[in-house]
Amino acid sequence: MDGPGDGSTRVAVAALNRLGSAIRHAILRDARLLWARIPETAADFAARTLKEYLALKPYLDRYDRDLFRQAATGSLR
């Protein structure tokens, strides 16, 4: 079985440009870029993703607050 500590290496290759900014941000935050044909393009993509995510974050935070409040009061719709 593959897993942490067994000497296996897992690599995921993904095309990120078609994903939403929140998902792209999470991937860029948690993953490691191994190779980019044009490093400047990768840096521009990361910067654009961060800018889009930060513009969206207040709405995501409000959604989370409302969702948790509804869950706590038993009024999920």
PDB file of N, CA and C in Angstrom:
ATOM      1  N   MET A   1       0.846  -1.178   0.000  1.00  0.00           N
ATOM      2  CA  MET A   1       0.000   0.000   0.000  1.00  0.00           C
ATOM      3  C   MET A   1       0.889   1.238   0.000  1.00  0.00           C
ATOM      4  N   ASP A   2       0.575   2.209  -0.856  1.00  0.00           N
ATOM      5  CA  ASP A   2       1.329   3.455  -0.920  1.00  0.00           C
ATOM      6  C   ASP A   2       0.854   4.394   0.182  1.00  0.00           C
ATOM      7  N   GLY A   3       1.791   5.135   0.719  1.00  0.00           N
ATOM      8  CA  GLY A   3       1.412   6.104   1.736  1.00  0.00           C
ATOM      9  C   GLY A   3       2.631   6.763   2.318  1.00  0.00           C
ATOM     10  N   PRO A   4       2.413   7.664   3.256  1.00  0.00           N
ATOM     11  CA  PRO A   4       3.523   8.374   3.877  1.00  0.00           C
ATOM     12  C   PRO A   4       4.490   7.412   4.560  1.00  0.00           C
ATOM     13  N   GLY A   5       5.756   7.663   4.367  1.00  0.00           N
ATOM     14  CA  GLY A   5       6.769   6.868   5.043  1.00  0.00           C
ATOM     15  C   GLY A   5       7.134   5.565   4.377  1.00  0.00           C
ATOM     16  N   ASP A   6       6.499   5.218   3.265  1.00  0.00           N
ATOM     17  CA  ASP A   6       6.819   3.946   2.617  1.00  0.00           C
ATOM     18  C   ASP A   6       7.776   4.111   1.448  1.00  0.00           C
ATOM     19  N   GLY A   7       8.315   5.303   1.268  1.00  0.00           N
ATOM     20  CA  GLY A   7       9.272   5.557   0.196  1.00  0.00           C
ATOM     21  C   GLY A   7       8.636   5.888  -1.135  1.00  0.00           C
ATOM     22  N   SER A   8       7.309   5.879  -1.222  1.00  0.00           N
ATOM     23  CA  SER A   8       6.656   6.196  -2.486  1.00  0.00           C
ATOM     24  C   SER A   8       6.631   7.704  -2.695  1.00  0.00           C
ATOM     25  N   THR A   9       6.560   8.099  -3.938  1.00  0.00           N
ATOM     26  CA  THR A   9       6.461   9.502  -4.287  1.00  0.00           C
ATOM     27  C   THR A   9       5.205   9.684  -5.112  1.00  0.00           C
ATOM     28  N   ARG A  10       4.393  10.643  -4.720  1.00  0.00           N
ATOM     29  CA  ARG A  10       3.162  10.911  -5.457  1.00  0.00           C
ATOM     30  C   ARG A  10       3.274  12.272  -6.124  1.00  0.00           C
ATOM     31  N   VAL A  11       2.920  12.308  -7.370  1.00  0.00           N
ATOM     32  CA  VAL A  11       2.963  13.545  -8.129  1.00  0.00           C
ATOM     33  C   VAL A  11       1.619  13.711  -8.811  1.00  0.00           C
ATOM     34  N   ALA A  12       1.034  14.898  -8.685  1.00  0.00           N
ATOM     35  CA  ALA A  12      -0.215  15.210  -9.374  1.00  0.00           C
ATOM     36  C   ALA A  12       0.075  16.301 -10.392  1.00  0.00           C
ATOM     37  N   VAL A  13      -0.394  16.093 -11.590  1.00  0.00           N
ATOM     38  CA  VAL A  13      -0.256  17.090 -12.646  1.00  0.00           C
ATOM     39  C   VAL A  13      -1.646  17.654 -12.882  1.00  0.00           C
ATOM     40  N   ALA A  14      -1.748  18.978 -12.833  1.00  0.00           N
ATOM     41  CA  ALA A  14      -3.062  19.587 -12.946  1.00  0.00           C
ATOM     42  C   ALA A  14      -3.002  20.848 -13.792  1.00  0.00           C
ATOM     43  N   ALA A  15      -4.047  21.051 -14.576  1.00  0.00           N
ATOM     44  CA  ALA A  15      -4.230  22.310 -15.304  1.00  0.00           C
ATOM     45  C   ALA A  15      -5.119  23.175 -14.431  1.00  0.00           C
ATOM     46  N   LEU A  16      -4.568  24.215 -13.854  1.00  0.00           N
ATOM     47  CA  LEU A  16      -5.280  25.012 -12.865  1.00  0.00           C
ATOM     48  C   LEU A  16      -6.089  26.149 -13.454  1.00  0.00           C
ATOM     49  N   ASN A  17      -5.785  26.545 -14.671  1.00  0.00           N
ATOM     50  CA  ASN A  17      -6.363  27.773 -15.212  1.00  0.00           C
ATOM     51  C   ASN A  17      -7.873  27.728 -15.395  1.00  0.00           C
ATOM     52  N   ARG A  18      -8.491  26.556 -15.360  1.00  0.00           N
ATOM     53  CA  ARG A  18      -9.946  26.482 -15.535  1.00  0.00           C
ATOM     54  C   ARG A  18     -10.691  26.321 -14.218  1.00  0.00           C
ATOM     55  N   LEU A  19      -9.973  26.286 -13.106  1.00  0.00           N
ATOM     56  CA  LEU A  19     -10.594  26.124 -11.798  1.00  0.00           C
ATOM     57  C   LEU A  19     -10.966  27.480 -11.207  1.00  0.00           C
ATOM     58  N   GLY A  20     -11.847  27.458 -10.238  1.00  0.00           N
ATOM     59  CA  GLY A  20     -12.218  28.681  -9.546  1.00  0.00           C
ATOM     60  C   GLY A  20     -11.063  29.211  -8.705  1.00  0.00           C
ATOM     61  N   SER A  21     -11.123  30.498  -8.387  1.00  0.00           N
ATOM     62  CA  SER A  21     -10.001  31.122  -7.692  1.00  0.00           C
ATOM     63  C   SER A  21      -9.787  30.551  -6.293  1.00  0.00           C
ATOM     64  N   ALA A  22     -10.839  30.167  -5.581  1.00  0.00           N
ATOM     65  CA  ALA A  22     -10.671  29.602  -4.239  1.00  0.00           C
ATOM     66  C   ALA A  22      -9.940  28.264  -4.301  1.00  0.00           C
ATOM     67  N   ILE A  23     -10.279  27.444  -5.280  1.00  0.00           N
ATOM     68  CA  ILE A  23      -9.606  26.143  -5.432  1.00  0.00           C
ATOM     69  C   ILE A  23      -8.168  26.348  -5.883  1.00  0.00           C
ATOM     70  N   ARG A  24      -7.965  27.260  -6.850  1.00  0.00           N
ATOM     71  CA  ARG A  24      -6.595  27.545  -7.292  1.00  0.00           C
ATOM     72  C   ARG A  24      -5.744  28.037  -6.128  1.00  0.00           C
ATOM     73  N   HIS A  25      -6.310  28.915  -5.316  1.00  0.00           N
ATOM     74  CA  HIS A  25      -5.568  29.443  -4.170  1.00  0.00           C
ATOM     75  C   HIS A  25      -5.180  28.313  -3.210  1.00  0.00           C
ATOM     76  N   ALA A  26      -6.110  27.426  -2.905  1.00  0.00           N
ATOM     77  CA  ALA A  26      -5.813  26.316  -1.991  1.00  0.00           C
ATOM     78  C   ALA A  26      -4.716  25.422  -2.552  1.00  0.00           C
ATOM     79  N   ILE A  27      -4.770  25.167  -3.838  1.00  0.00           N
ATOM     80  CA  ILE A  27      -3.740  24.320  -4.459  1.00  0.00           C
ATOM     81  C   ILE A  27      -2.383  25.022  -4.435  1.00  0.00           C
ATOM     82  N   LEU A  28      -2.357  26.288  -4.819  1.00  0.00           N
ATOM     83  CA  LEU A  28      -1.086  27.018  -4.807  1.00  0.00           C
ATOM     84  C   LEU A  28      -0.533  27.166  -3.389  1.00  0.00           C
ATOM     85  N   ARG A  29      -1.421  27.272  -2.398  1.00  0.00           N
ATOM     86  CA  ARG A  29      -0.989  27.393  -1.005  1.00  0.00           C
ATOM     87  C   ARG A  29      -0.401  26.082  -0.486  1.00  0.00           C
ATOM     88  N   ASP A  30      -1.008  24.945  -0.861  1.00  0.00           N
ATOM     89  CA  ASP A  30      -0.643  23.659  -0.262  1.00  0.00           C
ATOM     90  C   ASP A  30       0.296  22.808  -1.103  1.00  0.00           C
ATOM     91  N   ALA A  31       0.400  23.095  -2.380  1.00  0.00           N
ATOM     92  CA  ALA A  31       1.195  22.248  -3.274  1.00  0.00           C
ATOM     93  C   ALA A  31       2.542  22.900  -3.579  1.00  0.00           C
ATOM     94  N   ARG A  32       3.370  22.154  -4.232  1.00  0.00           N
ATOM     95  CA  ARG A  32       4.688  22.652  -4.626  1.00  0.00           C
ATOM     96  C   ARG A  32       4.815  22.551  -6.146  1.00  0.00           C
ATOM     97  N   LEU A  33       5.148  23.660  -6.755  1.00  0.00           N
ATOM     98  CA  LEU A  33       5.383  23.689  -8.195  1.00  0.00           C
ATOM     99  C   LEU A  33       6.739  23.056  -8.478  1.00  0.00           C
ATOM    100  N   LEU A  34       6.753  22.016  -9.282  1.00  0.00           N
ATOM    101  CA  LEU A  34       8.005  21.327  -9.592  1.00  0.00           C
ATOM    102  C   LEU A  34       8.680  21.867 -10.842  1.00  0.00           C
ATOM    103  N   TRP A  35       7.884  22.333 -11.785  1.00  0.00           N
ATOM    104  CA  TRP A  35       8.462  22.787 -13.044  1.00  0.00           C
ATOM    105  C   TRP A  35       7.494  23.734 -13.729  1.00  0.00           C
ATOM    106  N   ALA A  36       8.041  24.755 -14.352  1.00  0.00           N
ATOM    107  CA  ALA A  36       7.258  25.667 -15.179  1.00  0.00           C
ATOM    108  C   ALA A  36       8.085  25.997 -16.411  1.00  0.00           C
ATOM    109  N   ARG A  37       7.474  25.868 -17.562  1.00  0.00           N
ATOM    110  CA  ARG A  37       8.188  26.174 -18.803  1.00  0.00           C
ATOM    111  C   ARG A  37       8.665  27.621 -18.793  1.00  0.00           C
ATOM    112  N   ILE A  38       7.783  28.509 -18.338  1.00  0.00           N
ATOM    113  CA  ILE A  38       8.124  29.932 -18.261  1.00  0.00           C
ATOM    114  C   ILE A  38       7.839  30.380 -16.824  1.00  0.00           C
ATOM    115  N   PRO A  39       8.852  30.475 -15.981  1.00  0.00           N
ATOM    116  CA  PRO A  39       8.635  30.817 -14.572  1.00  0.00           C
ATOM    117  C   PRO A  39       7.887  32.141 -14.364  1.00  0.00           C
ATOM    118  N   GLU A  40       8.107  33.116 -15.218  1.00  0.00           N
ATOM    119  CA  GLU A  40       7.410  34.395 -15.078  1.00  0.00           C
ATOM    120  C   GLU A  40       5.905  34.229 -15.262  1.00  0.00           C
ATOM    121  N   THR A  41       5.516  33.358 -16.177  1.00  0.00           N
ATOM    122  CA  THR A  41       4.096  33.093 -16.400  1.00  0.00           C
ATOM    123  C   THR A  41       3.490  32.426 -15.175  1.00  0.00           C
ATOM    124  N   ALA A  42       4.216  31.495 -14.571  1.00  0.00           N
ATOM    125  CA  ALA A  42       3.737  30.836 -13.354  1.00  0.00           C
ATOM    126  C   ALA A  42       3.592  31.847 -12.218  1.00  0.00           C
ATOM    127  N   ALA A  43       4.539  32.755 -12.084  1.00  0.00           N
ATOM    128  CA  ALA A  43       4.468  33.787 -11.045  1.00  0.00           C
ATOM    129  C   ALA A  43       3.300  34.736 -11.289  1.00  0.00           C
ATOM    130  N   ASP A  44       3.076  35.121 -12.540  1.00  0.00           N
ATOM    131  CA  ASP A  44       1.940  35.981 -12.877  1.00  0.00           C
ATOM    132  C   ASP A  44       0.621  35.278 -12.561  1.00  0.00           C
ATOM    133  N   PHE A  45       0.551  33.988 -12.876  1.00  0.00           N
ATOM    134  CA  PHE A  45      -0.650  33.205 -12.586  1.00  0.00           C
ATOM    135  C   PHE A  45      -0.909  33.158 -11.085  1.00  0.00           C
ATOM    136  N   ALA A  46       0.131  32.928 -10.298  1.00  0.00           N
ATOM    137  CA  ALA A  46      -0.010  32.880  -8.841  1.00  0.00           C
ATOM    138  C   ALA A  46      -0.458  34.241  -8.301  1.00  0.00           C
ATOM    139  N   ALA A  47       0.112  35.309  -8.810  1.00  0.00           N
ATOM    140  CA  ALA A  47      -0.264  36.655  -8.359  1.00  0.00           C
ATOM    141  C   ALA A  47      -1.710  36.968  -8.721  1.00  0.00           C
ATOM    142  N   ARG A  48      -2.118  36.617  -9.932  1.00  0.00           N
ATOM    143  CA  ARG A  48      -3.498  36.857 -10.376  1.00  0.00           C
ATOM    144  C   ARG A  48      -4.476  36.034  -9.538  1.00  0.00           C
ATOM    145  N   THR A  49      -4.105  34.794  -9.241  1.00  0.00           N
ATOM    146  CA  THR A  49      -4.950  33.933  -8.410  1.00  0.00           C
ATOM    147  C   THR A  49      -5.116  34.535  -7.020  1.00  0.00           C
ATOM    148  N   LEU A  50      -4.026  35.003  -6.424  1.00  0.00           N
ATOM    149  CA  LEU A  50      -4.106  35.600  -5.093  1.00  0.00           C
ATOM    150  C   LEU A  50      -4.982  36.850  -5.107  1.00  0.00           C
ATOM    151  N   LYS A  51      -4.826  37.680  -6.115  1.00  0.00           N
ATOM    152  CA  LYS A  51      -5.634  38.896  -6.230  1.00  0.00           C
ATOM    153  C   LYS A  51      -7.121  38.553  -6.332  1.00  0.00           C
ATOM    154  N   GLU A  52      -7.460  37.573  -7.175  1.00  0.00           N
ATOM    155  CA  GLU A  52      -8.856  37.166  -7.330  1.00  0.00           C
ATOM    156  C   GLU A  52      -9.396  36.565  -6.036  1.00  0.00           C
ATOM    157  N   TYR A  53      -8.586  35.742  -5.371  1.00  0.00           N
ATOM    158  CA  TYR A  53      -9.020  35.105  -4.130  1.00  0.00           C
ATOM    159  C   TYR A  53      -9.270  36.147  -3.047  1.00  0.00           C
ATOM    160  N   LEU A  54      -8.364  37.115  -2.907  1.00  0.00           N
ATOM    161  CA  LEU A  54      -8.539  38.140  -1.877  1.00  0.00           C
ATOM    162  C   LEU A  54      -9.765  39.002  -2.143  1.00  0.00           C
ATOM    163  N   ALA A  55     -10.117  39.210  -3.404  1.00  0.00           N
ATOM    164  CA  ALA A  55     -11.343  39.939  -3.734  1.00  0.00           C
ATOM    165  C   ALA A  55     -12.585  39.125  -3.371  1.00  0.00           C
ATOM    166  N   LEU A  56     -12.494  37.811  -3.445  1.00  0.00           N
ATOM    167  CA  LEU A  56     -13.617  36.912  -3.164  1.00  0.00           C
ATOM    168  C   LEU A  56     -13.720  36.554  -1.684  1.00  0.00           C
ATOM    169  N   LYS A  57     -12.636  36.640  -0.942  1.00  0.00           N
ATOM    170  CA  LYS A  57     -12.577  36.146   0.430  1.00  0.00           C
ATOM    171  C   LYS A  57     -13.641  36.726   1.357  1.00  0.00           C
ATOM    172  N   PRO A  58     -13.956  38.019   1.324  1.00  0.00           N
ATOM    173  CA  PRO A  58     -15.018  38.507   2.218  1.00  0.00           C
ATOM    174  C   PRO A  58     -16.356  37.795   1.993  1.00  0.00           C
ATOM    175  N   TYR A  59     -16.670  37.466   0.763  1.00  0.00           N
ATOM    176  CA  TYR A  59     -17.914  36.756   0.464  1.00  0.00           C
ATOM    177  C   TYR A  59     -17.855  35.307   0.960  1.00  0.00           C
ATOM    178  N   LEU A  60     -16.700  34.677   0.809  1.00  0.00           N
ATOM    179  CA  LEU A  60     -16.532  33.313   1.325  1.00  0.00           C
ATOM    180  C   LEU A  60     -16.641  33.296   2.845  1.00  0.00           C
ATOM    181  N   ASP A  61     -16.046  34.279   3.490  1.00  0.00           N
ATOM    182  CA  ASP A  61     -16.120  34.360   4.953  1.00  0.00           C
ATOM    183  C   ASP A  61     -17.561  34.551   5.421  1.00  0.00           C
ATOM    184  N   ARG A  62     -18.295  35.419   4.737  1.00  0.00           N
ATOM    185  CA  ARG A  62     -19.703  35.638   5.114  1.00  0.00           C
ATOM    186  C   ARG A  62     -20.515  34.367   4.899  1.00  0.00           C
ATOM    187  N   TYR A  63     -20.284  33.688   3.788  1.00  0.00           N
ATOM    188  CA  TYR A  63     -20.983  32.431   3.525  1.00  0.00           C
ATOM    189  C   TYR A  63     -20.708  31.427   4.642  1.00  0.00           C
ATOM    190  N   ASP A  64     -19.432  31.301   5.025  1.00  0.00           N
ATOM    191  CA  ASP A  64     -19.068  30.366   6.096  1.00  0.00           C
ATOM    192  C   ASP A  64     -19.748  30.739   7.412  1.00  0.00           C
ATOM    193  N   ARG A  65     -19.729  32.032   7.775  1.00  0.00           N
ATOM    194  CA  ARG A  65     -20.379  32.472   9.016  1.00  0.00           C
ATOM    195  C   ARG A  65     -21.860  32.133   9.010  1.00  0.00           C
ATOM    196  N   ASP A  66     -22.530  32.432   7.888  1.00  0.00           N
ATOM    197  CA  ASP A  66     -23.965  32.147   7.791  1.00  0.00           C
ATOM    198  C   ASP A  66     -24.234  30.650   7.857  1.00  0.00           C
ATOM    199  N   LEU A  67     -23.408  29.880   7.179  1.00  0.00           N
ATOM    200  CA  LEU A  67     -23.585  28.425   7.180  1.00  0.00           C
ATOM    201  C   LEU A  67     -23.399  27.856   8.586  1.00  0.00           C
ATOM    202  N   PHE A  68     -22.346  28.284   9.278  1.00  0.00           N
ATOM    203  CA  PHE A  68     -22.098  27.782  10.635  1.00  0.00           C
ATOM    204  C   PHE A  68     -23.194  28.231  11.597  1.00  0.00           C
ATOM    205  N   ARG A  69     -23.690  29.457  11.429  1.00  0.00           N
ATOM    206  CA  ARG A  69     -24.777  29.928  12.279  1.00  0.00           C
ATOM    207  C   ARG A  69     -26.025  29.082  12.053  1.00  0.00           C
ATOM    208  N   GLN A  70     -26.345  28.796  10.801  1.00  0.00           N
ATOM    209  CA  GLN A  70     -27.510  27.975  10.501  1.00  0.00           C
ATOM    210  C   GLN A  70     -27.340  26.558  11.038  1.00  0.00           C
ATOM    211  N   ALA A  71     -26.142  26.021  10.924  1.00  0.00           N
ATOM    212  CA  ALA A  71     -25.896  24.677  11.433  1.00  0.00           C
ATOM    213  C   ALA A  71     -26.038  24.654  12.958  1.00  0.00           C
ATOM    214  N   ALA A  72     -25.552  25.696  13.632  1.00  0.00           N
ATOM    215  CA  ALA A  72     -25.622  25.739  15.093  1.00  0.00           C
ATOM    216  C   ALA A  72     -27.044  25.876  15.597  1.00  0.00           C
ATOM    217  N   THR A  73     -27.893  26.550  14.830  1.00  0.00           N
ATOM    218  CA  THR A  73     -29.279  26.747  15.258  1.00  0.00           C
ATOM    219  C   THR A  73     -30.229  25.705  14.679  1.00  0.00           C
ATOM    220  N   GLY A  74     -29.698  24.798  13.876  1.00  0.00           N
ATOM    221  CA  GLY A  74     -30.529  23.738  13.290  1.00  0.00           C
ATOM    222  C   GLY A  74     -31.437  24.225  12.177  1.00  0.00           C
ATOM    223  N   SER A  75     -31.077  25.326  11.542  1.00  0.00           N
ATOM    224  CA  SER A  75     -31.941  25.884  10.499  1.00  0.00           C
ATOM    225  C   SER A  75     -31.296  25.854   9.118  1.00  0.00           C
ATOM    226  N   LEU A  76     -30.517  24.816   8.843  1.00  0.00           N
ATOM    227  CA  LEU A  76     -29.918  24.705   7.501  1.00  0.00           C
ATOM    228  C   LEU A  76     -31.024  24.553   6.463  1.00  0.00           C
ATOM    229  N   ARG A  77     -30.852  25.240   5.347  1.00  0.00           N
ATOM    230  CA  ARG A  77     -31.845  25.155   4.270  1.00  0.00           C
ATOM    231  C   ARG A  77     -31.382  24.233   3.193  1.00  0.00           C
TER     232      ARG A  77
END
